[in-house]
Amino acid sequence: MGGTLPPDKNGYDYTFGWQFGTPFNQKWDISYPENIAELFQEYND
């Protein structure tokens, strides 16, 4: 939340996303590069 919430106090986030549905239709955490979807697509190809 812009640095106002320590990650360990978030109480919710499942950063990886693969556990639920597909991460390719979800927003990504800023810890990932902005082009993460393209990088995964290149890898998968």
ModelCIF file with pLDDT and N, C-alpha, C, O atoms, coordinates in Angstrom:
data_MODEL
#
_entry.id   MODEL 
#
_entity.id                         1 
_entity.type                       polymer 
_entity.pdbx_number_of_molecules   1 
#
_entity_poly.entity_id                      1 
_entity_poly.type                           'polypeptide(L)' 
_entity_poly.nstd_linkage                   no 
_entity_poly.nstd_monomer                   no 
_entity_poly.pdbx_seq_one_letter_code       MGGTLPPDKNGYDYTFGWQFGTPFNQKWDISYPENIAELFQEYND 
_entity_poly.pdbx_seq_one_letter_code_can   MGGTLPPDKNGYDYTFGWQFGTPFNQKWDISYPENIAELFQEYND 
_entity_poly.pdbx_strand_id                 A 
#
loop_
_entity_poly_seq.entity_id 
_entity_poly_seq.num 
_entity_poly_seq.mon_id 
_entity_poly_seq.hetero 
1 1  MET n 
1 2  GLY n 
1 3  GLY n 
1 4  THR n 
1 5  LEU n 
1 6  PRO n 
1 7  PRO n 
1 8  ASP n 
1 9  LYS n 
1 10 ASN n 
1 11 GLY n 
1 12 TYR n 
1 13 ASP n 
1 14 TYR n 
1 15 THR n 
1 16 PHE n 
1 17 GLY n 
1 18 TRP n 
1 19 GLN n 
1 20 PHE n 
1 21 GLY n 
1 22 THR n 
1 23 PRO n 
1 24 PHE n 
1 25 ASN n 
1 26 GLN n 
1 27 LYS n 
1 28 TRP n 
1 29 ASP n 
1 30 ILE n 
1 31 SER n 
1 32 TYR n 
1 33 PRO n 
1 34 GLU n 
1 35 ASN n 
1 36 ILE n 
1 37 ALA n 
1 38 GLU n 
1 39 LEU n 
1 40 PHE n 
1 41 GLN n 
1 42 GLU n 
1 43 TYR n 
1 44 ASN n 
1 45 ASP n 
#
_struct_asym.id          A 
_struct_asym.entity_id   1 
#
loop_
_ma_qa_metric.id 
_ma_qa_metric.mode 
_ma_qa_metric.name 
_ma_qa_metric.software_group_id 
_ma_qa_metric.type 
1 global pLDDT . pLDDT 
2 local  pLDDT . pLDDT 
#
_ma_qa_metric_global.metric_id      1 
_ma_qa_metric_global.metric_value   82.00 
_ma_qa_metric_global.model_id       1 
_ma_qa_metric_global.ordinal_id     1 
#
loop_
_ma_qa_metric_local.label_asym_id 
_ma_qa_metric_local.label_comp_id 
_ma_qa_metric_local.label_seq_id 
_ma_qa_metric_local.metric_id 
_ma_qa_metric_local.metric_value 
_ma_qa_metric_local.model_id 
_ma_qa_metric_local.ordinal_id 
A MET 1  2 81.00 1 1  
A GLY 2  2 80.00 1 2  
A GLY 3  2 78.00 1 3  
A THR 4  2 81.00 1 4  
A LEU 5  2 78.00 1 5  
A PRO 6  2 78.00 1 6  
A PRO 7  2 70.00 1 7  
A ASP 8  2 73.00 1 8  
A LYS 9  2 75.00 1 9  
A ASN 10 2 72.00 1 10 
A GLY 11 2 71.00 1 11 
A TYR 12 2 73.00 1 12 
A ASP 13 2 65.00 1 13 
A TYR 14 2 66.00 1 14 
A THR 15 2 60.00 1 15 
A PHE 16 2 64.00 1 16 
A GLY 17 2 65.00 1 17 
A TRP 18 2 71.00 1 18 
A GLN 19 2 78.00 1 19 
A PHE 20 2 79.00 1 20 
A GLY 21 2 80.00 1 21 
A THR 22 2 84.00 1 22 
A PRO 23 2 82.00 1 23 
A PHE 24 2 84.00 1 24 
A ASN 25 2 86.00 1 25 
A GLN 26 2 88.00 1 26 
A LYS 27 2 90.00 1 27 
A TRP 28 2 89.00 1 28 
A ASP 29 2 87.00 1 29 
A ILE 30 2 89.00 1 30 
A SER 31 2 87.00 1 31 
A TYR 32 2 89.00 1 32 
A PRO 33 2 92.00 1 33 
A GLU 34 2 89.00 1 34 
A ASN 35 2 91.00 1 35 
A ILE 36 2 90.00 1 36 
A ALA 37 2 87.00 1 37 
A GLU 38 2 92.00 1 38 
A LEU 39 2 94.00 1 39 
A PHE 40 2 91.00 1 40 
A GLN 41 2 92.00 1 41 
A GLU 42 2 96.00 1 42 
A TYR 43 2 95.00 1 43 
A ASN 44 2 93.00 1 44 
A ASP 45 2 95.00 1 45 
#
loop_
_atom_site.group_PDB 
_atom_site.id 
_atom_site.type_symbol 
_atom_site.label_atom_id 
_atom_site.label_alt_id 
_atom_site.label_comp_id 
_atom_site.label_asym_id 
_atom_site.label_entity_id 
_atom_site.label_seq_id 
_atom_site.pdbx_PDB_ins_code 
_atom_site.Cartn_x 
_atom_site.Cartn_y 
_atom_site.Cartn_z 
_atom_site.occupancy 
_atom_site.B_iso_or_equiv 
_atom_site.pdbx_formal_charge 
_atom_site.auth_seq_id 
_atom_site.auth_comp_id 
_atom_site.auth_asym_id 
_atom_site.auth_atom_id 
_atom_site.pdbx_PDB_model_num 
ATOM 1   N N  . MET A 1 1  ? 0.847  -1.203  0.000   1.00 81.00 ? 1  MET A N  1 
ATOM 2   C CA . MET A 1 1  ? 0.000  0.000   0.000   1.00 81.00 ? 1  MET A CA 1 
ATOM 3   C C  . MET A 1 1  ? 0.881  1.251   0.000   1.00 81.00 ? 1  MET A C  1 
ATOM 4   O O  . MET A 1 1  ? 0.702  2.152   0.820   1.00 81.00 ? 1  MET A O  1 
ATOM 5   N N  . GLY A 1 2  ? 1.837  1.291   -0.936  1.00 80.00 ? 2  GLY A N  1 
ATOM 6   C CA . GLY A 1 2  ? 2.717  2.453   -1.043  1.00 80.00 ? 2  GLY A CA 1 
ATOM 7   C C  . GLY A 1 2  ? 3.685  2.576   0.105   1.00 80.00 ? 2  GLY A C  1 
ATOM 8   O O  . GLY A 1 2  ? 4.123  3.676   0.441   1.00 80.00 ? 2  GLY A O  1 
ATOM 9   N N  . GLY A 1 3  ? 4.021  1.456   0.710   1.00 78.00 ? 3  GLY A N  1 
ATOM 10  C CA . GLY A 1 3  ? 4.979  1.453   1.811   1.00 78.00 ? 3  GLY A CA 1 
ATOM 11  C C  . GLY A 1 3  ? 4.348  1.649   3.178   1.00 78.00 ? 3  GLY A C  1 
ATOM 12  O O  . GLY A 1 3  ? 5.059  1.674   4.183   1.00 78.00 ? 3  GLY A O  1 
ATOM 13  N N  . THR A 1 4  ? 3.040  1.789   3.239   1.00 81.00 ? 4  THR A N  1 
ATOM 14  C CA . THR A 1 4  ? 2.363  2.013   4.531   1.00 81.00 ? 4  THR A CA 1 
ATOM 15  C C  . THR A 1 4  ? 1.987  0.710   5.220   1.00 81.00 ? 4  THR A C  1 
ATOM 16  O O  . THR A 1 4  ? 1.587  0.721   6.384   1.00 81.00 ? 4  THR A O  1 
ATOM 17  N N  . LEU A 1 5  ? 2.111  -0.407  4.520   1.00 78.00 ? 5  LEU A N  1 
ATOM 18  C CA . LEU A 1 5  ? 1.719  -1.703  5.080   1.00 78.00 ? 5  LEU A CA 1 
ATOM 19  C C  . LEU A 1 5  ? 2.874  -2.684  4.907   1.00 78.00 ? 5  LEU A C  1 
ATOM 20  O O  . LEU A 1 5  ? 3.226  -3.029  3.779   1.00 78.00 ? 5  LEU A O  1 
ATOM 21  N N  . PRO A 1 6  ? 3.475  -3.142  6.024   1.00 78.00 ? 6  PRO A N  1 
ATOM 22  C CA . PRO A 1 6  ? 4.555  -4.128  5.889   1.00 78.00 ? 6  PRO A CA 1 
ATOM 23  C C  . PRO A 1 6  ? 4.005  -5.396  5.216   1.00 78.00 ? 6  PRO A C  1 
ATOM 24  O O  . PRO A 1 6  ? 2.905  -5.836  5.552   1.00 78.00 ? 6  PRO A O  1 
ATOM 25  N N  . PRO A 1 7  ? 4.755  -5.992  4.268   1.00 70.00 ? 7  PRO A N  1 
ATOM 26  C CA . PRO A 1 7  ? 4.254  -7.185  3.558   1.00 70.00 ? 7  PRO A CA 1 
ATOM 27  C C  . PRO A 1 7  ? 3.798  -8.294  4.494   1.00 70.00 ? 7  PRO A C  1 
ATOM 28  O O  . PRO A 1 7  ? 2.832  -8.995  4.193   1.00 70.00 ? 7  PRO A O  1 
ATOM 29  N N  . ASP A 1 8  ? 4.478  -8.464  5.623   1.00 73.00 ? 8  ASP A N  1 
ATOM 30  C CA . ASP A 1 8  ? 4.086  -9.534  6.545   1.00 73.00 ? 8  ASP A CA 1 
ATOM 31  C C  . ASP A 1 8  ? 2.819  -9.193  7.328   1.00 73.00 ? 8  ASP A C  1 
ATOM 32  O O  . ASP A 1 8  ? 2.270  -10.056 8.013   1.00 73.00 ? 8  ASP A O  1 
ATOM 33  N N  . LYS A 1 9  ? 2.350  -7.960  7.237   1.00 75.00 ? 9  LYS A N  1 
ATOM 34  C CA . LYS A 1 9  ? 1.119  -7.543  7.913   1.00 75.00 ? 9  LYS A CA 1 
ATOM 35  C C  . LYS A 1 9  ? -0.048 -7.442  6.937   1.00 75.00 ? 9  LYS A C  1 
ATOM 36  O O  . LYS A 1 9  ? -1.157 -7.075  7.325   1.00 75.00 ? 9  LYS A O  1 
ATOM 37  N N  . ASN A 1 10 ? 0.199  -7.766  5.681   1.00 72.00 ? 10 ASN A N  1 
ATOM 38  C CA . ASN A 1 10 ? -0.842 -7.668  4.659   1.00 72.00 ? 10 ASN A CA 1 
ATOM 39  C C  . ASN A 1 10 ? -2.025 -8.558  4.996   1.00 72.00 ? 10 ASN A C  1 
ATOM 40  O O  . ASN A 1 10 ? -3.176 -8.154  4.831   1.00 72.00 ? 10 ASN A O  1 
ATOM 41  N N  . GLY A 1 11 ? -1.747 -9.774  5.469   1.00 71.00 ? 11 GLY A N  1 
ATOM 42  C CA . GLY A 1 11 ? -2.814 -10.654 5.915   1.00 71.00 ? 11 GLY A CA 1 
ATOM 43  C C  . GLY A 1 11 ? -3.571 -11.361 4.819   1.00 71.00 ? 11 GLY A C  1 
ATOM 44  O O  . GLY A 1 11 ? -4.551 -12.055 5.091   1.00 71.00 ? 11 GLY A O  1 
ATOM 45  N N  . TYR A 1 12 ? -3.133 -11.197 3.571   1.00 73.00 ? 12 TYR A N  1 
ATOM 46  C CA . TYR A 1 12 ? -3.926 -11.805 2.522   1.00 73.00 ? 12 TYR A CA 1 
ATOM 47  C C  . TYR A 1 12 ? -3.118 -12.352 1.354   1.00 73.00 ? 12 TYR A C  1 
ATOM 48  O O  . TYR A 1 12 ? -3.321 -13.494 0.943   1.00 73.00 ? 12 TYR A O  1 
ATOM 49  N N  . ASP A 1 13 ? -2.231 -11.574 0.830   1.00 65.00 ? 13 ASP A N  1 
ATOM 50  C CA . ASP A 1 13 ? -1.659 -11.762 -0.496  1.00 65.00 ? 13 ASP A CA 1 
ATOM 51  C C  . ASP A 1 13 ? -1.067 -13.145 -0.782  1.00 65.00 ? 13 ASP A C  1 
ATOM 52  O O  . ASP A 1 13 ? -0.291 -13.680 0.010   1.00 65.00 ? 13 ASP A O  1 
ATOM 53  N N  . TYR A 1 14 ? -1.448 -13.707 -1.920  1.00 66.00 ? 14 TYR A N  1 
ATOM 54  C CA . TYR A 1 14 ? -0.867 -14.933 -2.466  1.00 66.00 ? 14 TYR A CA 1 
ATOM 55  C C  . TYR A 1 14 ? -0.065 -14.523 -3.694  1.00 66.00 ? 14 TYR A C  1 
ATOM 56  O O  . TYR A 1 14 ? -0.539 -14.665 -4.822  1.00 66.00 ? 14 TYR A O  1 
ATOM 57  N N  . THR A 1 15 ? 1.122  -14.026 -3.486  1.00 60.00 ? 15 THR A N  1 
ATOM 58  C CA . THR A 1 15 ? 1.903  -13.389 -4.534  1.00 60.00 ? 15 THR A CA 1 
ATOM 59  C C  . THR A 1 15 ? 2.080  -14.240 -5.774  1.00 60.00 ? 15 THR A C  1 
ATOM 60  O O  . THR A 1 15 ? 1.976  -13.718 -6.883  1.00 60.00 ? 15 THR A O  1 
ATOM 61  N N  . PHE A 1 16 ? 2.343  -15.529 -5.633  1.00 64.00 ? 16 PHE A N  1 
ATOM 62  C CA . PHE A 1 16 ? 2.666  -16.329 -6.805  1.00 64.00 ? 16 PHE A CA 1 
ATOM 63  C C  . PHE A 1 16 ? 1.478  -16.481 -7.745  1.00 64.00 ? 16 PHE A C  1 
ATOM 64  O O  . PHE A 1 16 ? 1.660  -16.375 -8.958  1.00 64.00 ? 16 PHE A O  1 
ATOM 65  N N  . GLY A 1 17 ? 0.288  -16.722 -7.252  1.00 65.00 ? 17 GLY A N  1 
ATOM 66  C CA . GLY A 1 17 ? -0.913 -16.737 -8.060  1.00 65.00 ? 17 GLY A CA 1 
ATOM 67  C C  . GLY A 1 17 ? -1.264 -18.029 -8.748  1.00 65.00 ? 17 GLY A C  1 
ATOM 68  O O  . GLY A 1 17 ? -2.420 -18.219 -9.124  1.00 65.00 ? 17 GLY A O  1 
ATOM 69  N N  . TRP A 1 18 ? -0.327 -18.920 -8.927  1.00 71.00 ? 18 TRP A N  1 
ATOM 70  C CA . TRP A 1 18 ? -0.622 -20.152 -9.658  1.00 71.00 ? 18 TRP A CA 1 
ATOM 71  C C  . TRP A 1 18 ? -1.563 -21.058 -8.895  1.00 71.00 ? 18 TRP A C  1 
ATOM 72  O O  . TRP A 1 18 ? -2.143 -21.969 -9.485  1.00 71.00 ? 18 TRP A O  1 
ATOM 73  N N  . GLN A 1 19 ? -1.734 -20.839 -7.607  1.00 78.00 ? 19 GLN A N  1 
ATOM 74  C CA . GLN A 1 19 ? -2.611 -21.692 -6.812  1.00 78.00 ? 19 GLN A CA 1 
ATOM 75  C C  . GLN A 1 19 ? -4.078 -21.497 -7.186  1.00 78.00 ? 19 GLN A C  1 
ATOM 76  O O  . GLN A 1 19 ? -4.898 -22.392 -6.982  1.00 78.00 ? 19 GLN A O  1 
ATOM 77  N N  . PHE A 1 20 ? -4.403 -20.341 -7.728  1.00 79.00 ? 20 PHE A N  1 
ATOM 78  C CA . PHE A 1 20 ? -5.792 -19.993 -7.980  1.00 79.00 ? 20 PHE A CA 1 
ATOM 79  C C  . PHE A 1 20 ? -5.948 -19.527 -9.417  1.00 79.00 ? 20 PHE A C  1 
ATOM 80  O O  . PHE A 1 20 ? -5.468 -18.454 -9.784  1.00 79.00 ? 20 PHE A O  1 
ATOM 81  N N  . GLY A 1 21 ? -6.609 -20.320 -10.217 1.00 80.00 ? 21 GLY A N  1 
ATOM 82  C CA . GLY A 1 21 ? -6.840 -19.902 -11.593 1.00 80.00 ? 21 GLY A CA 1 
ATOM 83  C C  . GLY A 1 21 ? -5.541 -19.754 -12.341 1.00 80.00 ? 21 GLY A C  1 
ATOM 84  O O  . GLY A 1 21 ? -4.618 -20.549 -12.164 1.00 80.00 ? 21 GLY A O  1 
ATOM 85  N N  . THR A 1 22 ? -5.465 -18.754 -13.163 1.00 84.00 ? 22 THR A N  1 
ATOM 86  C CA . THR A 1 22 ? -4.256 -18.491 -13.933 1.00 84.00 ? 22 THR A CA 1 
ATOM 87  C C  . THR A 1 22 ? -3.719 -17.109 -13.580 1.00 84.00 ? 22 THR A C  1 
ATOM 88  O O  . THR A 1 22 ? -4.495 -16.154 -13.528 1.00 84.00 ? 22 THR A O  1 
ATOM 89  N N  . PRO A 1 23 ? -2.426 -16.972 -13.338 1.00 82.00 ? 23 PRO A N  1 
ATOM 90  C CA . PRO A 1 23 ? -1.890 -15.642 -13.027 1.00 82.00 ? 23 PRO A CA 1 
ATOM 91  C C  . PRO A 1 23 ? -1.879 -14.725 -14.252 1.00 82.00 ? 23 PRO A C  1 
ATOM 92  O O  . PRO A 1 23 ? -1.588 -13.536 -14.121 1.00 82.00 ? 23 PRO A O  1 
ATOM 93  N N  . PHE A 1 24 ? -2.186 -15.247 -15.427 1.00 84.00 ? 24 PHE A N  1 
ATOM 94  C CA . PHE A 1 24 ? -2.110 -14.447 -16.639 1.00 84.00 ? 24 PHE A CA 1 
ATOM 95  C C  . PHE A 1 24 ? -3.343 -13.574 -16.865 1.00 84.00 ? 24 PHE A C  1 
ATOM 96  O O  . PHE A 1 24 ? -3.379 -12.810 -17.830 1.00 84.00 ? 24 PHE A O  1 
ATOM 97  N N  . ASN A 1 25 ? -4.341 -13.668 -16.012 1.00 86.00 ? 25 ASN A N  1 
ATOM 98  C CA . ASN A 1 25 ? -5.444 -12.709 -16.092 1.00 86.00 ? 25 ASN A CA 1 
ATOM 99  C C  . ASN A 1 25 ? -5.565 -11.935 -14.781 1.00 86.00 ? 25 ASN A C  1 
ATOM 100 O O  . ASN A 1 25 ? -6.622 -11.385 -14.469 1.00 86.00 ? 25 ASN A O  1 
ATOM 101 N N  . GLN A 1 26 ? -4.481 -11.900 -14.025 1.00 88.00 ? 26 GLN A N  1 
ATOM 102 C CA . GLN A 1 26 ? -4.469 -11.203 -12.743 1.00 88.00 ? 26 GLN A CA 1 
ATOM 103 C C  . GLN A 1 26 ? -3.377 -10.143 -12.774 1.00 88.00 ? 26 GLN A C  1 
ATOM 104 O O  . GLN A 1 26 ? -2.443 -10.217 -13.571 1.00 88.00 ? 26 GLN A O  1 
ATOM 105 N N  . LYS A 1 27 ? -3.508 -9.170  -11.905 1.00 90.00 ? 27 LYS A N  1 
ATOM 106 C CA . LYS A 1 27 ? -2.437 -8.180  -11.777 1.00 90.00 ? 27 LYS A CA 1 
ATOM 107 C C  . LYS A 1 27 ? -1.263 -8.821  -11.046 1.00 90.00 ? 27 LYS A C  1 
ATOM 108 O O  . LYS A 1 27 ? -1.440 -9.715  -10.219 1.00 90.00 ? 27 LYS A O  1 
ATOM 109 N N  . TRP A 1 28 ? -0.066 -8.348  -11.366 1.00 89.00 ? 28 TRP A N  1 
ATOM 110 C CA . TRP A 1 28 ? 1.171  -8.879  -10.782 1.00 89.00 ? 28 TRP A CA 1 
ATOM 111 C C  . TRP A 1 28 ? 1.694  -7.920  -9.723  1.00 89.00 ? 28 TRP A C  1 
ATOM 112 O O  . TRP A 1 28 ? 1.501  -6.709  -9.824  1.00 89.00 ? 28 TRP A O  1 
ATOM 113 N N  . ASP A 1 29 ? 2.349  -8.459  -8.721  1.00 87.00 ? 29 ASP A N  1 
ATOM 114 C CA . ASP A 1 29 ? 3.000  -7.650  -7.700  1.00 87.00 ? 29 ASP A CA 1 
ATOM 115 C C  . ASP A 1 29 ? 4.137  -6.859  -8.346  1.00 87.00 ? 29 ASP A C  1 
ATOM 116 O O  . ASP A 1 29 ? 4.763  -7.325  -9.298  1.00 87.00 ? 29 ASP A O  1 
ATOM 117 N N  . ILE A 1 30 ? 4.399  -5.658  -7.821  1.00 89.00 ? 30 ILE A N  1 
ATOM 118 C CA . ILE A 1 30 ? 5.457  -4.800  -8.383  1.00 89.00 ? 30 ILE A CA 1 
ATOM 119 C C  . ILE A 1 30 ? 6.844  -5.411  -8.234  1.00 89.00 ? 30 ILE A C  1 
ATOM 120 O O  . ILE A 1 30 ? 7.800  -4.900  -8.818  1.00 89.00 ? 30 ILE A O  1 
ATOM 121 N N  . SER A 1 31 ? 6.977  -6.483  -7.473  1.00 87.00 ? 31 SER A N  1 
ATOM 122 C CA . SER A 1 31 ? 8.274  -7.139  -7.361  1.00 87.00 ? 31 SER A CA 1 
ATOM 123 C C  . SER A 1 31 ? 8.635  -7.874  -8.656  1.00 87.00 ? 31 SER A C  1 
ATOM 124 O O  . SER A 1 31 ? 9.787  -8.265  -8.847  1.00 87.00 ? 31 SER A O  1 
ATOM 125 N N  . TYR A 1 32 ? 7.665  -8.060  -9.536  1.00 89.00 ? 32 TYR A N  1 
ATOM 126 C CA . TYR A 1 32 ? 7.908  -8.685  -10.846 1.00 89.00 ? 32 TYR A CA 1 
ATOM 127 C C  . TYR A 1 32 ? 8.139  -7.605  -11.885 1.00 89.00 ? 32 TYR A C  1 
ATOM 128 O O  . TYR A 1 32 ? 7.620  -6.497  -11.742 1.00 89.00 ? 32 TYR A O  1 
ATOM 129 N N  . PRO A 1 33 ? 8.914  -7.900  -12.940 1.00 92.00 ? 33 PRO A N  1 
ATOM 130 C CA . PRO A 1 33 ? 9.074  -6.917  -14.008 1.00 92.00 ? 33 PRO A CA 1 
ATOM 131 C C  . PRO A 1 33 ? 7.723  -6.621  -14.666 1.00 92.00 ? 33 PRO A C  1 
ATOM 132 O O  . PRO A 1 33 ? 6.833  -7.471  -14.690 1.00 92.00 ? 33 PRO A O  1 
ATOM 133 N N  . GLU A 1 34 ? 7.585  -5.413  -15.194 1.00 89.00 ? 34 GLU A N  1 
ATOM 134 C CA . GLU A 1 34 ? 6.322  -5.041  -15.841 1.00 89.00 ? 34 GLU A CA 1 
ATOM 135 C C  . GLU A 1 34 ? 5.975  -5.973  -16.993 1.00 89.00 ? 34 GLU A C  1 
ATOM 136 O O  . GLU A 1 34 ? 4.796  -6.179  -17.280 1.00 89.00 ? 34 GLU A O  1 
ATOM 137 N N  . ASN A 1 35 ? 6.959  -6.532  -17.649 1.00 91.00 ? 35 ASN A N  1 
ATOM 138 C CA . ASN A 1 35 ? 6.715  -7.390  -18.811 1.00 91.00 ? 35 ASN A CA 1 
ATOM 139 C C  . ASN A 1 35 ? 6.740  -8.879  -18.445 1.00 91.00 ? 35 ASN A C  1 
ATOM 140 O O  . ASN A 1 35 ? 7.090  -9.714  -19.279 1.00 91.00 ? 35 ASN A O  1 
ATOM 141 N N  . ILE A 1 36 ? 6.371  -9.214  -17.208 1.00 90.00 ? 36 ILE A N  1 
ATOM 142 C CA . ILE A 1 36 ? 6.449  -10.604 -16.734 1.00 90.00 ? 36 ILE A CA 1 
ATOM 143 C C  . ILE A 1 36 ? 5.615  -11.545 -17.601 1.00 90.00 ? 36 ILE A C  1 
ATOM 144 O O  . ILE A 1 36 ? 6.043  -12.669 -17.865 1.00 90.00 ? 36 ILE A O  1 
ATOM 145 N N  . ALA A 1 37 ? 4.453  -11.119 -18.042 1.00 87.00 ? 37 ALA A N  1 
ATOM 146 C CA . ALA A 1 37 ? 3.609  -11.987 -18.876 1.00 87.00 ? 37 ALA A CA 1 
ATOM 147 C C  . ALA A 1 37 ? 4.326  -12.324 -20.185 1.00 87.00 ? 37 ALA A C  1 
ATOM 148 O O  . ALA A 1 37 ? 4.289  -13.468 -20.636 1.00 87.00 ? 37 ALA A O  1 
ATOM 149 N N  . GLU A 1 38 ? 4.972  -11.336 -20.789 1.00 92.00 ? 38 GLU A N  1 
ATOM 150 C CA . GLU A 1 38 ? 5.712  -11.587 -22.027 1.00 92.00 ? 38 GLU A CA 1 
ATOM 151 C C  . GLU A 1 38 ? 6.899  -12.507 -21.779 1.00 92.00 ? 38 GLU A C  1 
ATOM 152 O O  . GLU A 1 38 ? 7.193  -13.375 -22.601 1.00 92.00 ? 38 GLU A O  1 
ATOM 153 N N  . LEU A 1 39 ? 7.584  -12.324 -20.652 1.00 94.00 ? 39 LEU A N  1 
ATOM 154 C CA . LEU A 1 39 ? 8.718  -13.195 -20.317 1.00 94.00 ? 39 LEU A CA 1 
ATOM 155 C C  . LEU A 1 39 ? 8.261  -14.641 -20.141 1.00 94.00 ? 39 LEU A C  1 
ATOM 156 O O  . LEU A 1 39 ? 8.927  -15.565 -20.609 1.00 94.00 ? 39 LEU A O  1 
ATOM 157 N N  . PHE A 1 40 ? 7.127  -14.839 -19.466 1.00 91.00 ? 40 PHE A N  1 
ATOM 158 C CA . PHE A 1 40 ? 6.590  -16.187 -19.315 1.00 91.00 ? 40 PHE A CA 1 
ATOM 159 C C  . PHE A 1 40 ? 6.181  -16.774 -20.668 1.00 91.00 ? 40 PHE A C  1 
ATOM 160 O O  . PHE A 1 40 ? 6.405  -17.955 -20.929 1.00 91.00 ? 40 PHE A O  1 
ATOM 161 N N  . GLN A 1 41 ? 5.584  -15.946 -21.522 1.00 92.00 ? 41 GLN A N  1 
ATOM 162 C CA . GLN A 1 41 ? 5.178  -16.437 -22.838 1.00 92.00 ? 41 GLN A CA 1 
ATOM 163 C C  . GLN A 1 41 ? 6.393  -16.875 -23.650 1.00 92.00 ? 41 GLN A C  1 
ATOM 164 O O  . GLN A 1 41 ? 6.362  -17.924 -24.293 1.00 92.00 ? 41 GLN A O  1 
ATOM 165 N N  . GLU A 1 42 ? 7.457  -16.085 -23.627 1.00 96.00 ? 42 GLU A N  1 
ATOM 166 C CA . GLU A 1 42 ? 8.699  -16.462 -24.313 1.00 96.00 ? 42 GLU A CA 1 
ATOM 167 C C  . GLU A 1 42 ? 9.229  -17.785 -23.772 1.00 96.00 ? 42 GLU A C  1 
ATOM 168 O O  . GLU A 1 42 ? 9.621  -18.667 -24.535 1.00 96.00 ? 42 GLU A O  1 
ATOM 169 N N  . TYR A 1 43 ? 9.237  -17.911 -22.468 1.00 95.00 ? 43 TYR A N  1 
ATOM 170 C CA . TYR A 1 43 ? 9.707  -19.142 -21.824 1.00 95.00 ? 43 TYR A CA 1 
ATOM 171 C C  . TYR A 1 43 ? 8.845  -20.329 -22.252 1.00 95.00 ? 43 TYR A C  1 
ATOM 172 O O  . TYR A 1 43 ? 9.371  -21.376 -22.630 1.00 95.00 ? 43 TYR A O  1 
ATOM 173 N N  . ASN A 1 44 ? 7.532  -20.167 -22.194 1.00 93.00 ? 44 ASN A N  1 
ATOM 174 C CA . ASN A 1 44 ? 6.621  -21.246 -22.571 1.00 93.00 ? 44 ASN A CA 1 
ATOM 175 C C  . ASN A 1 44 ? 6.753  -21.612 -24.044 1.00 93.00 ? 44 ASN A C  1 
ATOM 176 O O  . ASN A 1 44 ? 6.647  -22.784 -24.404 1.00 93.00 ? 44 ASN A O  1 
ATOM 177 N N  . ASP A 1 45 ? 6.983  -20.619 -24.896 1.00 95.00 ? 45 ASP A N  1 
ATOM 178 C CA . ASP A 1 45 ? 7.135  -20.887 -26.333 1.00 95.00 ? 45 ASP A CA 1 
ATOM 179 C C  . ASP A 1 45 ? 8.373  -21.724 -26.640 1.00 95.00 ? 45 ASP A C  1 
ATOM 180 O O  . ASP A 1 45 ? 8.638  -22.032 -27.802 1.00 95.00 ? 45 ASP A O  1 
#
